[in-house]
Amino acid sequence: MNKRHDQHYIDETLRGDAQAFSVLINTYKHMVFTVALKITNNRENAEEVAQDTFVKAYHSLATFKGASKFSTWIYKITYYGALDYLKKNNRRIKTSTIESDHDINLSELTNVLDELELKDRQNCIKESLDQLGAEESVLVTLHYFEELSLQEISDIINIPANTIKVRLYRIRKKLAGILEKKLTPEAIKSYGRK
């Protein structure tokens, strides 16, 4: 289902049409169950997590702002709901293959997991940025997030472009040190560092 199609059913649900939400359930139930099963490694637990996911999604639907796809949002609820379920029941994630009686769009699952990983990386980077000084944080934000050139930044903050370039180099080194303290060696490798 595409984002616009999902939004139609979200809007209808928010207007009080409970049947519209059932369309969303039918669209995503297989993948929600599969994600839950992958984490809990137990069909009954996965069914419980999937049910909880849709209940939470229904009650929180008004908070969905559409910044990401609905599928990403609901899979994130599933992912964290399954982890909470394991934690509540003193269990750990077991690795297993994805098994389901339903056809699974593995590329969609991969995209969702990639997006979750990206969100985790973004959160880690944001926490690291919070440890920088105000000027350092501004430089990083302007250059890497707002994608301004060195000259544009120079024009904004009245510092020569070459000075900004040197400062950005130092900030990157500082951030690398902060991130190395936060991340496991395996995570650092996945970021491309050795």
N, C-alpha and C. Protein backbone atom coordinates (compact mmCIF):
# COMPACT_ATOMS: atom_id res chain seq x y z
N MET A 1 0.86 -1.17 0.00
CA MET A 1 0.00 0.00 0.00
C MET A 1 0.90 1.23 0.00
N ASN A 2 0.50 2.25 -0.73
CA ASN A 2 1.35 3.45 -0.76
C ASN A 2 0.93 4.42 0.34
N LYS A 3 1.79 5.40 0.53
CA LYS A 3 1.61 6.34 1.64
C LYS A 3 0.27 7.08 1.55
N ARG A 4 -0.11 7.48 0.35
CA ARG A 4 -1.36 8.23 0.18
C ARG A 4 -2.57 7.33 0.46
N HIS A 5 -2.48 6.09 0.01
CA HIS A 5 -3.56 5.13 0.25
C HIS A 5 -3.71 4.88 1.75
N ASP A 6 -2.58 4.68 2.45
CA ASP A 6 -2.60 4.50 3.90
C ASP A 6 -3.23 5.71 4.57
N GLN A 7 -2.84 6.90 4.13
CA GLN A 7 -3.33 8.12 4.77
C GLN A 7 -4.85 8.24 4.67
N HIS A 8 -5.41 7.78 3.56
CA HIS A 8 -6.87 7.80 3.41
C HIS A 8 -7.53 7.00 4.53
N TYR A 9 -7.03 5.79 4.77
CA TYR A 9 -7.62 4.94 5.81
C TYR A 9 -7.32 5.45 7.21
N ILE A 10 -6.18 6.08 7.38
CA ILE A 10 -5.86 6.70 8.67
C ILE A 10 -6.86 7.83 8.94
N ASP A 11 -7.07 8.68 7.95
CA ASP A 11 -8.01 9.80 8.10
C ASP A 11 -9.42 9.30 8.39
N GLU A 12 -9.84 8.25 7.67
CA GLU A 12 -11.19 7.70 7.88
C GLU A 12 -11.32 7.12 9.30
N THR A 13 -10.28 6.47 9.76
CA THR A 13 -10.29 5.91 11.11
C THR A 13 -10.41 7.02 12.15
N LEU A 14 -9.65 8.08 11.95
CA LEU A 14 -9.69 9.21 12.88
C LEU A 14 -11.05 9.91 12.87
N ARG A 15 -11.77 9.77 11.78
CA ARG A 15 -13.13 10.34 11.70
C ARG A 15 -14.16 9.41 12.35
N GLY A 16 -13.71 8.24 12.84
CA GLY A 16 -14.63 7.35 13.54
C GLY A 16 -15.00 6.09 12.79
N ASP A 17 -14.46 5.87 11.61
CA ASP A 17 -14.78 4.67 10.83
C ASP A 17 -13.82 3.54 11.22
N ALA A 18 -14.26 2.69 12.15
CA ALA A 18 -13.42 1.59 12.64
C ALA A 18 -13.11 0.59 11.55
N GLN A 19 -14.01 0.47 10.56
CA GLN A 19 -13.77 -0.46 9.46
C GLN A 19 -12.55 -0.05 8.63
N ALA A 20 -12.29 1.24 8.58
CA ALA A 20 -11.12 1.72 7.82
C ALA A 20 -9.84 1.20 8.45
N PHE A 21 -9.81 1.12 9.77
CA PHE A 21 -8.61 0.59 10.43
C PHE A 21 -8.42 -0.88 10.12
N SER A 22 -9.52 -1.60 9.92
CA SER A 22 -9.39 -3.03 9.58
C SER A 22 -8.68 -3.23 8.24
N VAL A 23 -8.79 -2.26 7.33
CA VAL A 23 -8.06 -2.34 6.07
C VAL A 23 -6.56 -2.25 6.34
N LEU A 24 -6.17 -1.35 7.23
CA LEU A 24 -4.75 -1.23 7.60
C LEU A 24 -4.26 -2.50 8.29
N ILE A 25 -5.10 -3.07 9.15
CA ILE A 25 -4.73 -4.32 9.82
C ILE A 25 -4.50 -5.41 8.79
N ASN A 26 -5.44 -5.56 7.87
CA ASN A 26 -5.32 -6.60 6.85
C ASN A 26 -4.09 -6.40 5.97
N THR A 27 -3.73 -5.16 5.74
CA THR A 27 -2.57 -4.87 4.90
C THR A 27 -1.27 -5.23 5.60
N TYR A 28 -1.18 -4.96 6.89
CA TYR A 28 0.10 -5.09 7.60
C TYR A 28 0.18 -6.25 8.58
N LYS A 29 -0.89 -7.03 8.74
CA LYS A 29 -0.89 -8.07 9.77
C LYS A 29 0.18 -9.13 9.55
N HIS A 30 0.45 -9.49 8.32
CA HIS A 30 1.44 -10.54 8.06
C HIS A 30 2.84 -10.07 8.42
N MET A 31 3.17 -8.86 8.03
CA MET A 31 4.50 -8.36 8.32
C MET A 31 4.66 -8.06 9.82
N VAL A 32 3.63 -7.53 10.46
CA VAL A 32 3.69 -7.27 11.90
C VAL A 32 3.92 -8.59 12.63
N PHE A 33 3.17 -9.60 12.25
CA PHE A 33 3.33 -10.92 12.87
C PHE A 33 4.74 -11.46 12.61
N THR A 34 5.23 -11.31 11.41
CA THR A 34 6.55 -11.82 11.06
C THR A 34 7.65 -11.14 11.86
N VAL A 35 7.56 -9.83 12.01
CA VAL A 35 8.55 -9.10 12.81
C VAL A 35 8.47 -9.59 14.26
N ALA A 36 7.26 -9.71 14.79
CA ALA A 36 7.09 -10.17 16.17
C ALA A 36 7.62 -11.59 16.34
N LEU A 37 7.35 -12.46 15.38
CA LEU A 37 7.82 -13.84 15.43
C LEU A 37 9.34 -13.90 15.36
N LYS A 38 9.92 -13.07 14.55
CA LYS A 38 11.38 -13.04 14.41
C LYS A 38 12.03 -12.70 15.76
N ILE A 39 11.40 -11.82 16.51
CA ILE A 39 11.98 -11.38 17.78
C ILE A 39 11.63 -12.34 18.92
N THR A 40 10.36 -12.76 19.00
CA THR A 40 9.94 -13.61 20.13
C THR A 40 10.23 -15.09 19.91
N ASN A 41 10.31 -15.50 18.65
CA ASN A 41 10.60 -16.88 18.29
C ASN A 41 9.54 -17.85 18.82
N ASN A 42 8.30 -17.34 18.93
CA ASN A 42 7.22 -18.16 19.45
C ASN A 42 5.92 -17.63 18.86
N ARG A 43 5.13 -18.53 18.24
CA ARG A 43 3.91 -18.11 17.55
C ARG A 43 2.90 -17.43 18.47
N GLU A 44 2.65 -18.02 19.64
CA GLU A 44 1.66 -17.43 20.55
C GLU A 44 2.10 -16.06 21.03
N ASN A 45 3.38 -15.95 21.37
CA ASN A 45 3.89 -14.66 21.82
C ASN A 45 3.82 -13.64 20.69
N ALA A 46 4.15 -14.08 19.49
CA ALA A 46 4.10 -13.18 18.33
C ALA A 46 2.68 -12.70 18.07
N GLU A 47 1.71 -13.61 18.23
CA GLU A 47 0.31 -13.22 18.05
C GLU A 47 -0.10 -12.18 19.09
N GLU A 48 0.34 -12.38 20.33
CA GLU A 48 0.02 -11.41 21.38
C GLU A 48 0.66 -10.05 21.10
N VAL A 49 1.91 -10.07 20.67
CA VAL A 49 2.61 -8.82 20.33
C VAL A 49 1.90 -8.14 19.17
N ALA A 50 1.51 -8.92 18.16
CA ALA A 50 0.83 -8.35 16.99
C ALA A 50 -0.49 -7.70 17.41
N GLN A 51 -1.25 -8.36 18.25
CA GLN A 51 -2.52 -7.79 18.73
C GLN A 51 -2.26 -6.50 19.50
N ASP A 52 -1.28 -6.55 20.39
CA ASP A 52 -0.93 -5.34 21.16
C ASP A 52 -0.49 -4.21 20.24
N THR A 53 0.24 -4.56 19.19
CA THR A 53 0.71 -3.55 18.24
C THR A 53 -0.46 -2.81 17.62
N PHE A 54 -1.45 -3.55 17.15
CA PHE A 54 -2.58 -2.90 16.50
C PHE A 54 -3.45 -2.12 17.48
N VAL A 55 -3.54 -2.60 18.71
CA VAL A 55 -4.28 -1.84 19.73
C VAL A 55 -3.56 -0.52 20.01
N LYS A 56 -2.23 -0.61 20.21
CA LYS A 56 -1.44 0.61 20.45
C LYS A 56 -1.52 1.55 19.26
N ALA A 57 -1.41 1.00 18.07
CA ALA A 57 -1.46 1.84 16.88
C ALA A 57 -2.81 2.54 16.76
N TYR A 58 -3.89 1.81 17.04
CA TYR A 58 -5.22 2.39 16.96
C TYR A 58 -5.38 3.54 17.95
N HIS A 59 -4.94 3.32 19.18
CA HIS A 59 -5.07 4.36 20.20
C HIS A 59 -4.11 5.52 20.01
N SER A 60 -3.03 5.30 19.29
CA SER A 60 -2.03 6.35 19.06
C SER A 60 -2.11 6.94 17.67
N LEU A 61 -3.10 6.55 16.91
CA LEU A 61 -3.17 6.94 15.50
C LEU A 61 -3.15 8.45 15.31
N ALA A 62 -3.72 9.17 16.22
CA ALA A 62 -3.74 10.64 16.10
C ALA A 62 -2.34 11.23 16.21
N THR A 63 -1.41 10.48 16.80
CA THR A 63 -0.04 10.99 16.93
C THR A 63 0.80 10.72 15.69
N PHE A 64 0.30 9.89 14.77
CA PHE A 64 1.03 9.60 13.54
C PHE A 64 0.98 10.83 12.66
N LYS A 65 2.14 11.41 12.40
CA LYS A 65 2.21 12.67 11.66
C LYS A 65 2.55 12.49 10.18
N GLY A 66 2.89 11.28 9.78
CA GLY A 66 3.19 11.05 8.37
C GLY A 66 4.60 11.42 7.96
N ALA A 67 5.49 11.67 8.93
CA ALA A 67 6.87 12.00 8.60
C ALA A 67 7.56 10.79 7.97
N SER A 68 7.17 9.61 8.40
CA SER A 68 7.66 8.38 7.78
C SER A 68 6.44 7.64 7.23
N LYS A 69 6.69 6.53 6.59
CA LYS A 69 5.58 5.74 6.09
C LYS A 69 4.85 5.09 7.26
N PHE A 70 3.57 4.84 7.09
CA PHE A 70 2.78 4.18 8.12
C PHE A 70 3.38 2.82 8.43
N SER A 71 3.84 2.11 7.40
CA SER A 71 4.43 0.79 7.61
C SER A 71 5.64 0.88 8.54
N THR A 72 6.47 1.88 8.37
CA THR A 72 7.63 2.06 9.24
C THR A 72 7.17 2.30 10.67
N TRP A 73 6.17 3.14 10.82
CA TRP A 73 5.65 3.47 12.15
C TRP A 73 5.11 2.23 12.85
N ILE A 74 4.30 1.45 12.15
CA ILE A 74 3.68 0.29 12.80
C ILE A 74 4.71 -0.80 13.06
N TYR A 75 5.69 -0.93 12.18
CA TYR A 75 6.73 -1.94 12.41
C TYR A 75 7.62 -1.53 13.57
N LYS A 76 7.81 -0.25 13.74
CA LYS A 76 8.60 0.22 14.89
C LYS A 76 7.85 -0.09 16.19
N ILE A 77 6.54 0.12 16.19
CA ILE A 77 5.73 -0.24 17.36
C ILE A 77 5.86 -1.73 17.63
N THR A 78 5.83 -2.53 16.58
CA THR A 78 5.97 -3.98 16.72
C THR A 78 7.32 -4.35 17.30
N TYR A 79 8.35 -3.77 16.73
CA TYR A 79 9.73 -4.07 17.13
C TYR A 79 9.92 -3.80 18.62
N TYR A 80 9.58 -2.58 19.04
CA TYR A 80 9.77 -2.23 20.44
C TYR A 80 8.77 -2.95 21.35
N GLY A 81 7.59 -3.22 20.84
CA GLY A 81 6.62 -3.99 21.62
C GLY A 81 7.11 -5.41 21.87
N ALA A 82 7.72 -6.02 20.87
CA ALA A 82 8.27 -7.37 21.03
C ALA A 82 9.43 -7.37 22.01
N LEU A 83 10.28 -6.37 21.91
CA LEU A 83 11.40 -6.27 22.86
C LEU A 83 10.88 -6.08 24.29
N ASP A 84 9.86 -5.25 24.45
CA ASP A 84 9.25 -5.04 25.77
C ASP A 84 8.63 -6.34 26.29
N TYR A 85 8.00 -7.08 25.39
CA TYR A 85 7.39 -8.36 25.77
C TYR A 85 8.45 -9.31 26.31
N LEU A 86 9.57 -9.41 25.60
CA LEU A 86 10.66 -10.28 26.04
C LEU A 86 11.21 -9.82 27.39
N LYS A 87 11.38 -8.52 27.52
CA LYS A 87 11.92 -7.97 28.77
C LYS A 87 10.97 -8.25 29.93
N LYS A 88 9.68 -8.04 29.69
CA LYS A 88 8.66 -8.25 30.72
C LYS A 88 8.62 -9.72 31.15
N ASN A 89 8.91 -10.61 30.24
CA ASN A 89 8.87 -12.03 30.53
C ASN A 89 10.25 -12.64 30.74
N ASN A 90 11.24 -11.78 30.97
CA ASN A 90 12.62 -12.20 31.24
C ASN A 90 13.16 -13.16 30.19
N ARG A 91 12.97 -12.81 28.94
CA ARG A 91 13.48 -13.63 27.84
C ARG A 91 14.43 -12.81 27.01
N ARG A 92 15.17 -13.49 26.17
CA ARG A 92 16.12 -12.82 25.28
C ARG A 92 15.77 -13.12 23.84
N ILE A 93 16.24 -12.27 22.97
CA ILE A 93 16.03 -12.49 21.54
C ILE A 93 16.81 -13.72 21.12
N LYS A 94 16.16 -14.61 20.41
CA LYS A 94 16.84 -15.76 19.83
C LYS A 94 16.91 -15.54 18.33
N THR A 95 18.03 -15.89 17.77
CA THR A 95 18.14 -15.75 16.32
C THR A 95 17.48 -16.95 15.68
N SER A 96 16.73 -16.69 14.64
CA SER A 96 16.07 -17.75 13.90
C SER A 96 15.77 -17.24 12.51
N THR A 97 15.33 -18.13 11.70
CA THR A 97 14.93 -17.69 10.37
C THR A 97 13.50 -17.20 10.46
N ILE A 98 13.12 -16.37 9.51
CA ILE A 98 11.74 -15.88 9.47
C ILE A 98 10.89 -17.01 8.91
N GLU A 99 9.90 -17.42 9.69
CA GLU A 99 9.00 -18.46 9.24
C GLU A 99 7.58 -17.93 9.32
N SER A 100 6.83 -18.17 8.30
CA SER A 100 5.44 -17.73 8.29
C SER A 100 4.68 -18.53 7.26
N ASP A 101 3.40 -18.70 7.50
CA ASP A 101 2.57 -19.38 6.53
C ASP A 101 2.15 -18.44 5.41
N HIS A 102 2.52 -17.17 5.52
CA HIS A 102 2.08 -16.17 4.59
C HIS A 102 3.22 -15.76 3.68
N ASP A 103 2.86 -15.22 2.53
CA ASP A 103 3.89 -14.66 1.65
C ASP A 103 4.44 -13.42 2.31
N ILE A 104 5.77 -13.34 2.38
CA ILE A 104 6.42 -12.22 3.06
C ILE A 104 7.20 -11.43 2.03
N ASN A 105 7.03 -10.14 2.07
CA ASN A 105 7.81 -9.28 1.21
C ASN A 105 9.12 -8.97 1.95
N LEU A 106 10.13 -9.79 1.68
CA LEU A 106 11.39 -9.65 2.41
C LEU A 106 12.07 -8.32 2.16
N SER A 107 11.90 -7.77 0.96
CA SER A 107 12.53 -6.47 0.70
C SER A 107 11.89 -5.39 1.57
N GLU A 108 10.60 -5.50 1.84
CA GLU A 108 9.94 -4.52 2.71
C GLU A 108 10.43 -4.68 4.15
N LEU A 109 10.59 -5.93 4.61
CA LEU A 109 11.13 -6.16 5.95
C LEU A 109 12.54 -5.59 6.06
N THR A 110 13.35 -5.83 5.04
CA THR A 110 14.71 -5.30 5.03
C THR A 110 14.68 -3.78 5.09
N ASN A 111 13.79 -3.16 4.33
CA ASN A 111 13.68 -1.70 4.35
C ASN A 111 13.29 -1.20 5.73
N VAL A 112 12.36 -1.88 6.38
CA VAL A 112 11.92 -1.46 7.71
C VAL A 112 13.07 -1.59 8.71
N LEU A 113 13.75 -2.73 8.68
CA LEU A 113 14.86 -2.93 9.61
C LEU A 113 15.98 -1.94 9.33
N ASP A 114 16.23 -1.65 8.04
CA ASP A 114 17.23 -0.64 7.70
C ASP A 114 16.82 0.72 8.26
N GLU A 115 15.52 1.06 8.14
CA GLU A 115 15.06 2.34 8.67
C GLU A 115 15.18 2.40 10.19
N LEU A 116 14.89 1.29 10.86
CA LEU A 116 15.05 1.25 12.31
C LEU A 116 16.52 1.43 12.69
N GLU A 117 17.40 0.75 11.93
CA GLU A 117 18.82 0.89 12.19
C GLU A 117 19.26 2.33 11.94
N LEU A 118 18.73 2.93 10.88
CA LEU A 118 19.06 4.33 10.58
C LEU A 118 18.59 5.23 11.72
N LYS A 119 17.38 5.00 12.23
CA LYS A 119 16.87 5.80 13.36
C LYS A 119 17.77 5.65 14.58
N ASP A 120 18.20 4.40 14.85
CA ASP A 120 19.10 4.18 15.99
C ASP A 120 20.40 4.94 15.79
N ARG A 121 20.93 4.90 14.57
CA ARG A 121 22.16 5.64 14.28
C ARG A 121 21.95 7.14 14.44
N GLN A 122 20.81 7.62 13.94
CA GLN A 122 20.52 9.05 14.06
C GLN A 122 20.42 9.46 15.52
N ASN A 123 19.78 8.62 16.34
CA ASN A 123 19.67 8.92 17.77
C ASN A 123 21.04 8.95 18.44
N CYS A 124 21.89 8.00 18.07
CA CYS A 124 23.24 7.95 18.63
C CYS A 124 24.02 9.20 18.22
N ILE A 125 23.90 9.60 16.97
CA ILE A 125 24.60 10.80 16.49
C ILE A 125 24.05 12.03 17.18
N LYS A 126 22.72 12.11 17.34
CA LYS A 126 22.12 13.26 18.02
C LYS A 126 22.63 13.37 19.45
N GLU A 127 22.68 12.24 20.17
CA GLU A 127 23.19 12.25 21.54
C GLU A 127 24.64 12.70 21.57
N SER A 128 25.41 12.28 20.57
CA SER A 128 26.82 12.68 20.50
C SER A 128 26.93 14.18 20.20
N LEU A 129 26.08 14.68 19.33
CA LEU A 129 26.09 16.10 19.00
C LEU A 129 25.76 16.95 20.23
N ASP A 130 24.92 16.42 21.09
CA ASP A 130 24.56 17.15 22.31
C ASP A 130 25.76 17.36 23.22
N GLN A 131 26.80 16.55 23.03
CA GLN A 131 28.00 16.68 23.85
C GLN A 131 28.98 17.72 23.30
N LEU A 132 28.69 18.24 22.11
CA LEU A 132 29.55 19.27 21.52
C LEU A 132 29.19 20.64 22.10
N GLY A 133 30.12 21.57 21.96
CA GLY A 133 29.84 22.95 22.33
C GLY A 133 28.84 23.55 21.35
N ALA A 134 28.29 24.70 21.72
CA ALA A 134 27.25 25.34 20.90
C ALA A 134 27.76 25.66 19.51
N GLU A 135 28.95 26.27 19.39
CA GLU A 135 29.48 26.63 18.08
C GLU A 135 29.78 25.40 17.24
N GLU A 136 30.33 24.38 17.88
CA GLU A 136 30.62 23.14 17.15
C GLU A 136 29.33 22.53 16.61
N SER A 137 28.33 22.52 17.46
CA SER A 137 27.04 21.96 17.05
C SER A 137 26.43 22.74 15.89
N VAL A 138 26.54 24.06 15.93
CA VAL A 138 26.02 24.89 14.84
C VAL A 138 26.74 24.59 13.53
N LEU A 139 28.06 24.49 13.60
CA LEU A 139 28.84 24.21 12.38
C LEU A 139 28.45 22.86 11.77
N VAL A 140 28.34 21.86 12.62
CA VAL A 140 27.95 20.53 12.12
C VAL A 140 26.55 20.57 11.52
N THR A 141 25.65 21.23 12.21
CA THR A 141 24.27 21.31 11.73
C THR A 141 24.19 22.02 10.39
N LEU A 142 24.85 23.16 10.29
CA LEU A 142 24.80 23.92 9.03
C LEU A 142 25.44 23.16 7.88
N HIS A 143 26.59 22.54 8.13
CA HIS A 143 27.30 21.89 7.04
C HIS A 143 26.73 20.52 6.66
N TYR A 144 26.46 19.68 7.67
CA TYR A 144 26.07 18.31 7.36
C TYR A 144 24.56 18.08 7.29
N PHE A 145 23.81 18.84 8.07
CA PHE A 145 22.37 18.62 8.05
C PHE A 145 21.64 19.60 7.13
N GLU A 146 22.08 20.84 7.14
CA GLU A 146 21.48 21.82 6.24
C GLU A 146 22.19 21.85 4.89
N GLU A 147 23.33 21.16 4.82
CA GLU A 147 24.12 21.00 3.59
C GLU A 147 24.55 22.33 2.97
N LEU A 148 24.93 23.26 3.84
CA LEU A 148 25.45 24.53 3.35
C LEU A 148 26.93 24.38 3.03
N SER A 149 27.38 25.12 2.05
CA SER A 149 28.80 25.09 1.69
C SER A 149 29.61 25.84 2.75
N LEU A 150 30.91 25.64 2.72
CA LEU A 150 31.78 26.36 3.65
C LEU A 150 31.63 27.86 3.48
N GLN A 151 31.51 28.30 2.23
CA GLN A 151 31.36 29.73 1.97
C GLN A 151 30.04 30.27 2.52
N GLU A 152 28.98 29.50 2.36
CA GLU A 152 27.68 29.94 2.89
C GLU A 152 27.73 30.05 4.42
N ILE A 153 28.38 29.10 5.06
CA ILE A 153 28.52 29.16 6.52
C ILE A 153 29.37 30.36 6.90
N SER A 154 30.43 30.59 6.14
CA SER A 154 31.30 31.73 6.38
C SER A 154 30.50 33.03 6.33
N ASP A 155 29.63 33.13 5.35
CA ASP A 155 28.79 34.33 5.21
C ASP A 155 27.84 34.50 6.39
N ILE A 156 27.40 33.39 6.95
CA ILE A 156 26.44 33.45 8.06
C ILE A 156 27.12 33.84 9.37
N ILE A 157 28.26 33.20 9.67
CA ILE A 157 28.85 33.41 11.00
C ILE A 157 30.13 34.24 10.99
N ASN A 158 30.49 34.81 9.84
CA ASN A 158 31.65 35.71 9.73
C ASN A 158 32.97 35.09 10.18
N ILE A 159 33.19 33.88 9.76
CA ILE A 159 34.47 33.20 9.99
C ILE A 159 34.96 32.76 8.61
N PRO A 160 36.25 32.92 8.31
CA PRO A 160 36.75 32.51 7.00
C PRO A 160 36.46 31.03 6.70
N ALA A 161 36.18 30.73 5.45
CA ALA A 161 35.84 29.37 5.02
C ALA A 161 36.92 28.36 5.40
N ASN A 162 38.19 28.75 5.25
CA ASN A 162 39.28 27.83 5.60
C ASN A 162 39.29 27.51 7.10
N THR A 163 38.96 28.49 7.92
CA THR A 163 38.88 28.27 9.37
C THR A 163 37.75 27.30 9.69
N ILE A 164 36.64 27.45 9.00
CA ILE A 164 35.50 26.55 9.20
C ILE A 164 35.89 25.13 8.80
N LYS A 165 36.62 25.01 7.70
CA LYS A 165 37.05 23.70 7.23
C LYS A 165 37.91 23.00 8.28
N VAL A 166 38.85 23.74 8.88
CA VAL A 166 39.71 23.18 9.92
C VAL A 166 38.89 22.80 11.15
N ARG A 167 37.97 23.67 11.53
CA ARG A 167 37.14 23.39 12.71
C ARG A 167 36.26 22.15 12.48
N LEU A 168 35.71 22.02 11.29
CA LEU A 168 34.89 20.85 10.99
C LEU A 168 35.72 19.56 11.07
N TYR A 169 36.97 19.64 10.60
CA TYR A 169 37.85 18.49 10.68
C TYR A 169 38.06 18.10 12.15
N ARG A 170 38.31 19.08 13.01
CA ARG A 170 38.52 18.82 14.44
C ARG A 170 37.25 18.29 15.10
N ILE A 171 36.12 18.84 14.69
CA ILE A 171 34.84 18.39 15.26
C ILE A 171 34.57 16.94 14.86
N ARG A 172 34.86 16.59 13.61
CA ARG A 172 34.67 15.20 13.16
C ARG A 172 35.52 14.25 14.00
N LYS A 173 36.75 14.63 14.28
CA LYS A 173 37.63 13.80 15.12
C LYS A 173 37.05 13.67 16.53
N LYS A 174 36.55 14.78 17.05
CA LYS A 174 35.96 14.77 18.39
C LYS A 174 34.72 13.86 18.41
N LEU A 175 33.87 13.99 17.39
CA LEU A 175 32.67 13.15 17.30
C LEU A 175 33.04 11.68 17.19
N ALA A 176 34.09 11.40 16.41
CA ALA A 176 34.52 10.01 16.26
C ALA A 176 34.90 9.43 17.62
N GLY A 177 35.60 10.23 18.43
CA GLY A 177 35.96 9.78 19.77
C GLY A 177 34.75 9.53 20.65
N ILE A 178 33.77 10.43 20.57
CA ILE A 178 32.54 10.27 21.35
C ILE A 178 31.80 9.01 20.91
N LEU A 179 31.68 8.83 19.59
CA LEU A 179 30.95 7.67 19.06
C LEU A 179 31.66 6.36 19.42
N GLU A 180 32.99 6.37 19.38
CA GLU A 180 33.73 5.15 19.72
C GLU A 180 33.46 4.73 21.16
N LYS A 181 33.25 5.68 22.04
CA LYS A 181 32.94 5.35 23.43
C LYS A 181 31.53 4.79 23.57
N LYS A 182 30.63 5.21 22.68
CA LYS A 182 29.23 4.79 22.76
C LYS A 182 28.97 3.45 22.08
N LEU A 183 29.74 3.14 21.05
CA LEU A 183 29.42 1.99 20.20
C LEU A 183 30.30 0.79 20.51
N THR A 184 29.74 -0.37 20.24
CA THR A 184 30.51 -1.61 20.36
C THR A 184 31.44 -1.72 19.15
N PRO A 185 32.48 -2.54 19.24
CA PRO A 185 33.37 -2.72 18.08
C PRO A 185 32.61 -3.20 16.84
N GLU A 186 31.59 -4.05 17.02
CA GLU A 186 30.81 -4.54 15.88
C GLU A 186 30.06 -3.39 15.21
N ALA A 187 29.51 -2.50 16.02
CA ALA A 187 28.77 -1.36 15.46
C ALA A 187 29.71 -0.42 14.73
N ILE A 188 30.91 -0.24 15.27
CA ILE A 188 31.88 0.64 14.62
C ILE A 188 32.23 0.08 13.24
N LYS A 189 32.40 -1.24 13.15
CA LYS A 189 32.70 -1.85 11.85
C LYS A 189 31.56 -1.60 10.87
N SER A 190 30.31 -1.64 11.36
CA SER A 190 29.18 -1.44 10.46
C SER A 190 29.11 0.01 9.97
N TYR A 191 29.77 0.92 10.67
CA TYR A 191 29.83 2.30 10.23
C TYR A 191 30.97 2.50 9.23
N GLY A 192 31.72 1.43 8.96
CA GLY A 192 32.77 1.52 7.96
C GLY A 192 34.15 1.78 8.54
N ARG A 193 34.28 1.84 9.87
CA ARG A 193 35.59 2.05 10.49
C ARG A 193 36.17 0.71 10.87
N LYS A 194 37.48 0.64 10.92
CA LYS A 194 38.15 -0.60 11.31
C LYS A 194 38.92 -0.42 12.57
